[in-house]
């Protein structure tokens, strides 16, 4: 699993880093760590638009998003 830590970064950087990780690791599950609601929503939107399932987990200091590619 690839981990993308975007804590402390403001948009659009979390989306750009997540998109880059998706392109470099096709078909792999990504774990994205973020510390704010806006990044969580924007990364979730990106992932869903690219065919990923998104699980959001509340963790200390923010969120952990598990992005799992749909098998098609």
N, C-alpha and C. Protein backbone atom coordinates (compact mmCIF):
# COMPACT_ATOMS: atom_id res chain seq x y z
N UNK A 1 0.85 -1.18 0.00
CA UNK A 1 0.00 0.00 0.00
C UNK A 1 0.89 1.24 0.00
N UNK A 2 0.52 2.20 -0.82
CA UNK A 2 1.26 3.44 -0.92
C UNK A 2 0.63 4.46 0.03
N UNK A 3 1.48 5.15 0.80
CA UNK A 3 0.98 6.17 1.72
C UNK A 3 1.35 7.55 1.21
N UNK A 4 0.36 8.45 1.20
CA UNK A 4 0.57 9.83 0.77
C UNK A 4 0.23 10.72 1.97
N UNK A 5 1.24 11.41 2.49
CA UNK A 5 1.04 12.27 3.66
C UNK A 5 0.95 13.71 3.20
N UNK A 6 -0.25 14.27 3.28
CA UNK A 6 -0.46 15.65 2.85
C UNK A 6 -0.87 16.55 4.02
N UNK A 7 -0.56 16.09 5.22
CA UNK A 7 -0.88 16.90 6.40
C UNK A 7 -0.07 18.20 6.36
N UNK A 8 -0.73 19.29 6.71
CA UNK A 8 -0.06 20.58 6.74
C UNK A 8 -0.02 21.28 5.40
N UNK A 9 -0.53 20.65 4.36
CA UNK A 9 -0.52 21.25 3.03
C UNK A 9 -1.91 21.76 2.69
N UNK A 10 -1.97 22.89 1.98
CA UNK A 10 -3.28 23.40 1.58
C UNK A 10 -3.54 23.12 0.11
N UNK A 11 -4.81 23.07 -0.24
CA UNK A 11 -5.20 22.76 -1.61
C UNK A 11 -4.68 23.83 -2.55
N UNK A 12 -4.29 23.41 -3.73
CA UNK A 12 -4.56 22.12 -4.38
C UNK A 12 -3.46 21.07 -4.20
N UNK A 13 -2.45 21.32 -3.38
CA UNK A 13 -1.32 20.42 -3.27
C UNK A 13 -1.72 18.99 -2.87
N UNK A 14 -2.62 18.78 -1.88
CA UNK A 14 -3.01 17.39 -1.55
C UNK A 14 -3.61 16.64 -2.74
N UNK A 15 -4.42 17.33 -3.55
CA UNK A 15 -5.02 16.70 -4.72
C UNK A 15 -3.94 16.37 -5.76
N UNK A 16 -3.02 17.30 -5.97
CA UNK A 16 -1.93 17.08 -6.95
C UNK A 16 -1.07 15.90 -6.53
N UNK A 17 -0.71 15.82 -5.24
CA UNK A 17 0.13 14.71 -4.76
C UNK A 17 -0.61 13.38 -4.84
N UNK A 18 -1.90 13.38 -4.53
CA UNK A 18 -2.69 12.15 -4.62
C UNK A 18 -2.81 11.70 -6.06
N UNK A 19 -3.07 12.63 -6.97
CA UNK A 19 -3.19 12.31 -8.40
C UNK A 19 -1.87 11.72 -8.91
N UNK A 20 -0.76 12.30 -8.51
CA UNK A 20 0.55 11.80 -8.93
C UNK A 20 0.78 10.37 -8.41
N UNK A 21 0.40 10.12 -7.16
CA UNK A 21 0.56 8.77 -6.58
C UNK A 21 -0.32 7.77 -7.33
N UNK A 22 -1.53 8.18 -7.73
CA UNK A 22 -2.41 7.30 -8.50
C UNK A 22 -1.77 6.94 -9.84
N UNK A 23 -1.19 7.93 -10.50
CA UNK A 23 -0.58 7.70 -11.80
C UNK A 23 0.67 6.84 -11.71
N UNK A 24 1.44 6.99 -10.63
CA UNK A 24 2.68 6.23 -10.46
C UNK A 24 2.43 4.82 -9.93
N UNK A 25 1.25 4.58 -9.36
CA UNK A 25 0.94 3.29 -8.75
C UNK A 25 -0.42 2.79 -9.20
N UNK A 26 -0.61 2.58 -10.51
CA UNK A 26 -1.93 2.18 -10.99
C UNK A 26 -2.38 0.84 -10.40
N UNK A 27 -3.64 0.79 -10.01
CA UNK A 27 -4.19 -0.45 -9.49
C UNK A 27 -3.87 -0.73 -8.04
N UNK A 28 -3.14 0.16 -7.38
CA UNK A 28 -2.78 -0.06 -5.98
C UNK A 28 -3.66 0.77 -5.06
N UNK A 29 -3.84 0.26 -3.85
CA UNK A 29 -4.57 0.99 -2.83
C UNK A 29 -3.66 2.08 -2.27
N UNK A 30 -4.24 3.25 -2.06
CA UNK A 30 -3.50 4.37 -1.48
C UNK A 30 -4.09 4.73 -0.12
N UNK A 31 -3.23 5.09 0.80
CA UNK A 31 -3.67 5.65 2.08
C UNK A 31 -3.23 7.10 2.08
N UNK A 32 -4.19 8.01 2.19
CA UNK A 32 -3.88 9.44 2.19
C UNK A 32 -4.15 10.00 3.58
N UNK A 33 -3.14 10.63 4.17
CA UNK A 33 -3.27 11.24 5.49
C UNK A 33 -3.43 12.74 5.31
N UNK A 34 -4.51 13.28 5.85
CA UNK A 34 -4.75 14.72 5.77
C UNK A 34 -5.24 15.23 7.12
N UNK A 35 -5.07 16.53 7.31
CA UNK A 35 -5.44 17.10 8.60
C UNK A 35 -6.54 18.15 8.50
N UNK A 36 -7.21 18.22 7.33
CA UNK A 36 -8.29 19.20 7.25
C UNK A 36 -9.43 18.70 6.37
N UNK A 37 -10.58 19.26 6.63
CA UNK A 37 -11.83 18.85 5.98
C UNK A 37 -11.81 19.13 4.47
N UNK A 38 -11.26 20.26 4.08
CA UNK A 38 -11.25 20.63 2.66
C UNK A 38 -10.44 19.63 1.85
N UNK A 39 -9.25 19.28 2.33
CA UNK A 39 -8.42 18.30 1.62
C UNK A 39 -9.12 16.95 1.56
N UNK A 40 -9.76 16.57 2.66
CA UNK A 40 -10.48 15.29 2.69
C UNK A 40 -11.55 15.26 1.60
N UNK A 41 -12.33 16.34 1.50
CA UNK A 41 -13.40 16.39 0.50
C UNK A 41 -12.85 16.41 -0.92
N UNK A 42 -11.81 17.19 -1.15
CA UNK A 42 -11.26 17.31 -2.51
C UNK A 42 -10.58 16.02 -2.97
N UNK A 43 -9.83 15.36 -2.07
CA UNK A 43 -9.18 14.09 -2.43
C UNK A 43 -10.24 13.02 -2.65
N UNK A 44 -11.29 13.02 -1.83
CA UNK A 44 -12.38 12.06 -2.01
C UNK A 44 -13.03 12.24 -3.38
N UNK A 45 -13.30 13.48 -3.76
CA UNK A 45 -13.92 13.77 -5.06
C UNK A 45 -13.02 13.29 -6.20
N UNK A 46 -11.73 13.57 -6.12
CA UNK A 46 -10.78 13.11 -7.14
C UNK A 46 -10.83 11.59 -7.27
N UNK A 47 -10.73 10.92 -6.13
CA UNK A 47 -10.69 9.45 -6.13
C UNK A 47 -11.96 8.86 -6.74
N UNK A 48 -13.11 9.36 -6.32
CA UNK A 48 -14.37 8.83 -6.84
C UNK A 48 -14.49 9.08 -8.34
N UNK A 49 -14.03 10.23 -8.81
CA UNK A 49 -14.08 10.54 -10.25
C UNK A 49 -13.15 9.63 -11.04
N UNK A 50 -12.13 9.10 -10.40
CA UNK A 50 -11.18 8.21 -11.07
C UNK A 50 -11.49 6.73 -10.83
N UNK A 51 -12.64 6.45 -10.24
CA UNK A 51 -13.08 5.07 -10.08
C UNK A 51 -12.53 4.36 -8.84
N UNK A 52 -12.21 5.11 -7.81
CA UNK A 52 -11.74 4.50 -6.56
C UNK A 52 -12.87 4.49 -5.55
N UNK A 53 -12.86 3.46 -4.69
CA UNK A 53 -13.74 3.45 -3.54
C UNK A 53 -13.00 4.16 -2.41
N UNK A 54 -13.71 4.94 -1.62
CA UNK A 54 -13.08 5.74 -0.58
C UNK A 54 -13.65 5.36 0.78
N UNK A 55 -12.74 5.04 1.70
CA UNK A 55 -13.12 4.82 3.10
C UNK A 55 -12.42 5.89 3.91
N UNK A 56 -13.19 6.62 4.71
CA UNK A 56 -12.63 7.69 5.53
C UNK A 56 -12.58 7.22 6.97
N UNK A 57 -11.42 7.34 7.57
CA UNK A 57 -11.23 6.95 8.96
C UNK A 57 -10.73 8.17 9.73
N UNK A 58 -11.41 8.50 10.82
CA UNK A 58 -10.97 9.61 11.67
C UNK A 58 -9.81 9.12 12.51
N UNK A 59 -8.70 9.83 12.46
CA UNK A 59 -7.52 9.49 13.26
C UNK A 59 -7.08 10.72 14.03
N UNK A 60 -6.18 10.54 14.98
CA UNK A 60 -5.69 11.66 15.77
C UNK A 60 -5.12 12.73 14.85
N UNK A 61 -5.64 13.92 14.93
CA UNK A 61 -5.11 15.01 14.15
C UNK A 61 -5.63 15.11 12.72
N UNK A 62 -6.61 14.29 12.36
CA UNK A 62 -7.13 14.41 11.00
C UNK A 62 -7.84 13.18 10.49
N UNK A 63 -7.53 12.81 9.24
CA UNK A 63 -8.22 11.72 8.57
C UNK A 63 -7.23 10.82 7.84
N UNK A 64 -7.62 9.56 7.70
CA UNK A 64 -6.90 8.61 6.87
C UNK A 64 -7.89 8.13 5.84
N UNK A 65 -7.60 8.39 4.57
CA UNK A 65 -8.47 7.98 3.48
C UNK A 65 -7.86 6.77 2.79
N UNK A 66 -8.64 5.70 2.72
CA UNK A 66 -8.20 4.52 1.99
C UNK A 66 -8.85 4.56 0.62
N UNK A 67 -8.01 4.67 -0.40
CA UNK A 67 -8.51 4.74 -1.77
C UNK A 67 -8.21 3.41 -2.46
N UNK A 68 -9.27 2.67 -2.76
CA UNK A 68 -9.13 1.35 -3.37
C UNK A 68 -9.66 1.39 -4.79
N UNK A 69 -8.83 1.05 -5.77
CA UNK A 69 -9.32 1.09 -7.16
C UNK A 69 -10.37 0.02 -7.39
N UNK A 70 -11.40 0.39 -8.14
CA UNK A 70 -12.43 -0.57 -8.52
C UNK A 70 -11.85 -1.50 -9.56
N UNK A 71 -12.12 -2.77 -9.42
CA UNK A 71 -11.68 -3.76 -10.40
C UNK A 71 -12.71 -3.82 -11.52
N UNK A 72 -12.28 -3.46 -12.71
CA UNK A 72 -13.25 -3.50 -13.82
C UNK A 72 -12.70 -4.22 -15.02
